[in-house]
Amino acid sequence: MPRRRKAKPQQQKPTHLIDTNVLLRYLIGDDPPKAARAAALMNGLEAGLVAAEIPVEVWTETVWTLESYYHVPRAEIAEKLAALLTFAGLRTAPGELLFQALQYYTDSNADFVDCLLAARAQDRNISVYTFDESDFKKLKSAWEKP
């Protein structure tokens, strides 16, 4: 009987979490020393040399800050964040979910969190309990009042 070879364990790259302030320095560049360090990190992430995760909470805070503090247009925010989702070293919530939420965000004036909820509800074929029916009507998402 042939001997089975043990599978070599795949080397895992260490994963870190990325905070909103790093994304903002990378996207806005308003603090040049920090922006340069953020760009170096993001270049490594894009090339797959670094592995990191951007939690959904950070995506949400980034959208809010870009929109409310920096007054970046919605379409530009969606475009910049969608580009990050293509980075080889990025680990995040299902990318398809974020792409859909960014599309809803671009196509409507709904809050980004509502766009995330609508995308997740659609993906799971469930409803959202909400008192904010106007955003969910715009997003054509299943919703109910509690």
C-alpha atoms as a PDB file:
ATOM      1  CA  MET A   1       0.000   0.000   0.000  1.00  0.00           C
ATOM      2  CA  PRO A   2       1.480   3.406  -0.946  1.00  0.00           C
ATOM      3  CA  ARG A   3       2.415   5.682   1.863  1.00  0.00           C
ATOM      4  CA  ARG A   4       0.472   8.888   2.200  1.00  0.00           C
ATOM      5  CA  ARG A   5       2.453  12.053   2.251  1.00  0.00           C
ATOM      6  CA  LYS A   6       1.606  14.526   4.923  1.00  0.00           C
ATOM      7  CA  ALA A   7       0.300  17.712   3.464  1.00  0.00           C
ATOM      8  CA  LYS A   8       2.595  20.610   4.082  1.00  0.00           C
ATOM      9  CA  PRO A   9       0.896  23.222   6.206  1.00  0.00           C
ATOM     10  CA  GLN A  10       0.235  26.335   4.207  1.00  0.00           C
ATOM     11  CA  GLN A  11       2.010  29.346   5.529  1.00  0.00           C
ATOM     12  CA  GLN A  12      -0.424  31.889   6.822  1.00  0.00           C
ATOM     13  CA  LYS A  13       0.541  35.506   6.599  1.00  0.00           C
ATOM     14  CA  PRO A  14      -0.086  37.367   9.811  1.00  0.00           C
ATOM     15  CA  THR A  15      -3.315  39.313   9.645  1.00  0.00           C
ATOM     16  CA  HIS A  16      -3.930  42.673  11.256  1.00  0.00           C
ATOM     17  CA  LEU A  17      -6.995  44.869  11.522  1.00  0.00           C
ATOM     18  CA  ILE A  18      -6.916  48.220   9.741  1.00  0.00           C
ATOM     19  CA  ASP A  19      -8.413  51.214  11.522  1.00  0.00           C
ATOM     20  CA  THR A  20     -10.368  54.029   9.886  1.00  0.00           C
ATOM     21  CA  ASN A  21      -7.590  56.572  10.420  1.00  0.00           C
ATOM     22  CA  VAL A  22      -5.210  54.498   8.269  1.00  0.00           C
ATOM     23  CA  LEU A  23      -7.757  54.314   5.431  1.00  0.00           C
ATOM     24  CA  LEU A  24      -8.412  58.035   5.683  1.00  0.00           C
ATOM     25  CA  ARG A  25      -4.715  58.948   5.563  1.00  0.00           C
ATOM     26  CA  TYR A  26      -4.354  56.679   2.505  1.00  0.00           C
ATOM     27  CA  LEU A  27      -7.438  58.036   0.731  1.00  0.00           C
ATOM     28  CA  ILE A  28      -7.137  61.724   1.673  1.00  0.00           C
ATOM     29  CA  GLY A  29      -3.400  62.201   2.241  1.00  0.00           C
ATOM     30  CA  ASP A  30      -3.956  65.175   4.555  1.00  0.00           C
ATOM     31  CA  ASP A  31      -1.120  64.249   6.934  1.00  0.00           C
ATOM     32  CA  PRO A  32       1.834  63.563   4.580  1.00  0.00           C
ATOM     33  CA  PRO A  33       4.046  61.501   6.956  1.00  0.00           C
ATOM     34  CA  LYS A  34       1.143  59.297   7.998  1.00  0.00           C
ATOM     35  CA  ALA A  35      -0.220  59.195   4.443  1.00  0.00           C
ATOM     36  CA  ALA A  36       3.139  57.875   3.190  1.00  0.00           C
ATOM     37  CA  ARG A  37       3.145  55.106   5.806  1.00  0.00           C
ATOM     38  CA  ALA A  38      -0.481  54.253   5.026  1.00  0.00           C
ATOM     39  CA  ALA A  39       0.310  54.163   1.286  1.00  0.00           C
ATOM     40  CA  ALA A  40       3.244  51.801   1.872  1.00  0.00           C
ATOM     41  CA  LEU A  41       0.976  49.490   3.867  1.00  0.00           C
ATOM     42  CA  MET A  42      -1.797  49.630   1.274  1.00  0.00           C
ATOM     43  CA  ASN A  43       0.666  48.988  -1.582  1.00  0.00           C
ATOM     44  CA  GLY A  44       1.799  45.857   0.246  1.00  0.00           C
ATOM     45  CA  LEU A  45      -1.820  44.874   0.773  1.00  0.00           C
ATOM     46  CA  GLU A  46      -2.609  45.444  -2.899  1.00  0.00           C
ATOM     47  CA  ALA A  47       0.320  43.246  -3.961  1.00  0.00           C
ATOM     48  CA  GLY A  48      -0.593  40.536  -1.462  1.00  0.00           C
ATOM     49  CA  LEU A  49       2.660  40.968   0.474  1.00  0.00           C
ATOM     50  CA  VAL A  50       0.683  41.936   3.562  1.00  0.00           C
ATOM     51  CA  ALA A  51      -2.569  40.464   4.827  1.00  0.00           C
ATOM     52  CA  ALA A  52      -5.027  42.569   6.775  1.00  0.00           C
ATOM     53  CA  GLU A  53      -8.718  42.809   7.498  1.00  0.00           C
ATOM     54  CA  ILE A  54     -10.976  45.829   7.274  1.00  0.00           C
ATOM     55  CA  PRO A  55     -13.991  45.200   9.520  1.00  0.00           C
ATOM     56  CA  VAL A  56     -17.444  46.333   8.418  1.00  0.00           C
ATOM     57  CA  GLU A  57     -17.437  48.904  11.228  1.00  0.00           C
ATOM     58  CA  VAL A  58     -14.368  50.539   9.694  1.00  0.00           C
ATOM     59  CA  TRP A  59     -15.959  50.628   6.228  1.00  0.00           C
ATOM     60  CA  THR A  60     -18.974  52.342   7.810  1.00  0.00           C
ATOM     61  CA  GLU A  61     -16.937  54.892   9.758  1.00  0.00           C
ATOM     62  CA  THR A  62     -14.800  55.604   6.690  1.00  0.00           C
ATOM     63  CA  VAL A  63     -17.859  56.306   4.527  1.00  0.00           C
ATOM     64  CA  TRP A  64     -19.374  58.538   7.198  1.00  0.00           C
ATOM     65  CA  THR A  65     -16.142  60.518   7.688  1.00  0.00           C
ATOM     66  CA  LEU A  66     -15.457  60.939   3.965  1.00  0.00           C
ATOM     67  CA  GLU A  67     -19.019  62.098   3.378  1.00  0.00           C
ATOM     68  CA  SER A  68     -19.648  64.295   6.410  1.00  0.00           C
ATOM     69  CA  TYR A  69     -16.220  65.689   7.298  1.00  0.00           C
ATOM     70  CA  TYR A  70     -14.326  65.724   3.980  1.00  0.00           C
ATOM     71  CA  HIS A  71     -17.428  66.238   1.781  1.00  0.00           C
ATOM     72  CA  VAL A  72     -16.283  63.658  -0.768  1.00  0.00           C
ATOM     73  CA  PRO A  73     -19.055  62.907  -3.304  1.00  0.00           C
ATOM     74  CA  ARG A  74     -20.828  59.570  -2.832  1.00  0.00           C
ATOM     75  CA  ALA A  75     -19.798  58.189  -6.229  1.00  0.00           C
ATOM     76  CA  GLU A  76     -16.144  58.959  -5.502  1.00  0.00           C
ATOM     77  CA  ILE A  77     -16.353  57.299  -2.073  1.00  0.00           C
ATOM     78  CA  ALA A  78     -17.886  54.180  -3.594  1.00  0.00           C
ATOM     79  CA  GLU A  79     -15.284  54.081  -6.365  1.00  0.00           C
ATOM     80  CA  LYS A  80     -12.334  54.435  -3.962  1.00  0.00           C
ATOM     81  CA  LEU A  81     -13.641  51.834  -1.529  1.00  0.00           C
ATOM     82  CA  ALA A  82     -14.593  49.371  -4.270  1.00  0.00           C
ATOM     83  CA  ALA A  83     -11.003  49.594  -5.532  1.00  0.00           C
ATOM     84  CA  LEU A  84      -9.748  48.541  -2.084  1.00  0.00           C
ATOM     85  CA  LEU A  85     -11.875  45.392  -2.272  1.00  0.00           C
ATOM     86  CA  THR A  86      -9.685  44.165  -5.140  1.00  0.00           C
ATOM     87  CA  PHE A  87      -6.465  44.219  -3.072  1.00  0.00           C
ATOM     88  CA  ALA A  88      -4.933  40.733  -2.945  1.00  0.00           C
ATOM     89  CA  GLY A  89      -4.098  40.821   0.764  1.00  0.00           C
ATOM     90  CA  LEU A  90      -7.438  42.171   1.925  1.00  0.00           C
ATOM     91  CA  ARG A  91      -9.581  40.072   4.203  1.00  0.00           C
ATOM     92  CA  THR A  92     -13.034  41.476   4.844  1.00  0.00           C
ATOM     93  CA  ALA A  93     -16.712  40.666   5.110  1.00  0.00           C
ATOM     94  CA  PRO A  94     -17.984  39.052   1.931  1.00  0.00           C
ATOM     95  CA  GLY A  95     -16.718  41.315  -0.825  1.00  0.00           C
ATOM     96  CA  GLU A  96     -19.870  40.803  -2.870  1.00  0.00           C
ATOM     97  CA  LEU A  97     -21.912  42.168   0.027  1.00  0.00           C
ATOM     98  CA  LEU A  98     -19.759  45.292   0.245  1.00  0.00           C
ATOM     99  CA  PHE A  99     -19.785  45.786  -3.533  1.00  0.00           C
ATOM    100  CA  GLN A 100     -23.602  45.600  -3.484  1.00  0.00           C
ATOM    101  CA  ALA A 101     -23.817  48.013  -0.536  1.00  0.00           C
ATOM    102  CA  LEU A 102     -21.502  50.457  -2.333  1.00  0.00           C
ATOM    103  CA  GLN A 103     -23.663  50.191  -5.444  1.00  0.00           C
ATOM    104  CA  TYR A 104     -26.792  50.961  -3.387  1.00  0.00           C
ATOM    105  CA  TYR A 105     -24.920  53.854  -1.792  1.00  0.00           C
ATOM    106  CA  THR A 106     -23.979  55.261  -5.208  1.00  0.00           C
ATOM    107  CA  ASP A 107     -27.455  54.838  -6.692  1.00  0.00           C
ATOM    108  CA  SER A 108     -29.450  56.275  -3.787  1.00  0.00           C
ATOM    109  CA  ASN A 109     -29.187  58.821  -1.032  1.00  0.00           C
ATOM    110  CA  ALA A 110     -29.677  56.173   1.669  1.00  0.00           C
ATOM    111  CA  ASP A 111     -27.317  55.958   4.631  1.00  0.00           C
ATOM    112  CA  PHE A 112     -24.441  53.531   4.114  1.00  0.00           C
ATOM    113  CA  VAL A 113     -25.514  51.402   7.088  1.00  0.00           C
ATOM    114  CA  ASP A 114     -28.961  51.031   5.505  1.00  0.00           C
ATOM    115  CA  CYS A 115     -27.241  50.066   2.247  1.00  0.00           C
ATOM    116  CA  LEU A 116     -25.274  47.383   4.111  1.00  0.00           C
ATOM    117  CA  LEU A 117     -28.426  46.095   5.773  1.00  0.00           C
ATOM    118  CA  ALA A 118     -30.293  46.012   2.462  1.00  0.00           C
ATOM    119  CA  ALA A 119     -27.457  44.129   0.763  1.00  0.00           C
ATOM    120  CA  ARG A 120     -27.252  41.615   3.617  1.00  0.00           C
ATOM    121  CA  ALA A 121     -31.050  41.161   3.710  1.00  0.00           C
ATOM    122  CA  GLN A 122     -31.148  40.597  -0.048  1.00  0.00           C
ATOM    123  CA  ASP A 123     -28.232  38.137   0.134  1.00  0.00           C
ATOM    124  CA  ARG A 124     -29.953  36.132   2.879  1.00  0.00           C
ATOM    125  CA  ASN A 125     -33.479  36.600   1.503  1.00  0.00           C
ATOM    126  CA  ILE A 126     -34.738  38.105   4.759  1.00  0.00           C
ATOM    127  CA  SER A 127     -36.385  41.369   5.868  1.00  0.00           C
ATOM    128  CA  VAL A 128     -35.044  44.260   7.916  1.00  0.00           C
ATOM    129  CA  TYR A 129     -36.954  45.523  10.949  1.00  0.00           C
ATOM    130  CA  THR A 130     -36.851  49.309  10.715  1.00  0.00           C
ATOM    131  CA  PHE A 131     -38.744  52.517  11.348  1.00  0.00           C
ATOM    132  CA  ASP A 132     -36.810  54.113   8.441  1.00  0.00           C
ATOM    133  CA  GLU A 133     -39.036  52.906   5.651  1.00  0.00           C
ATOM    134  CA  SER A 134     -38.003  55.644   3.211  1.00  0.00           C
ATOM    135  CA  ASP A 135     -34.424  54.347   2.752  1.00  0.00           C
ATOM    136  CA  PHE A 136     -35.545  50.745   2.385  1.00  0.00           C
ATOM    137  CA  LYS A 137     -38.213  51.688  -0.153  1.00  0.00           C
ATOM    138  CA  LYS A 138     -35.505  53.470  -2.193  1.00  0.00           C
ATOM    139  CA  LEU A 139     -33.296  50.386  -1.944  1.00  0.00           C
ATOM    140  CA  LYS A 140     -36.177  48.077  -2.898  1.00  0.00           C
ATOM    141  CA  SER A 141     -35.325  45.967   0.114  1.00  0.00           C
ATOM    142  CA  ALA A 142     -37.680  43.791   2.112  1.00  0.00           C
ATOM    143  CA  TRP A 143     -38.472  45.539   5.388  1.00  0.00           C
ATOM    144  CA  GLU A 144     -41.072  45.538   8.135  1.00  0.00           C
ATOM    145  CA  LYS A 145     -41.957  47.742  11.051  1.00  0.00           C
ATOM    146  CA  PRO A 146     -41.285  46.024  14.387  1.00  0.00           C
END
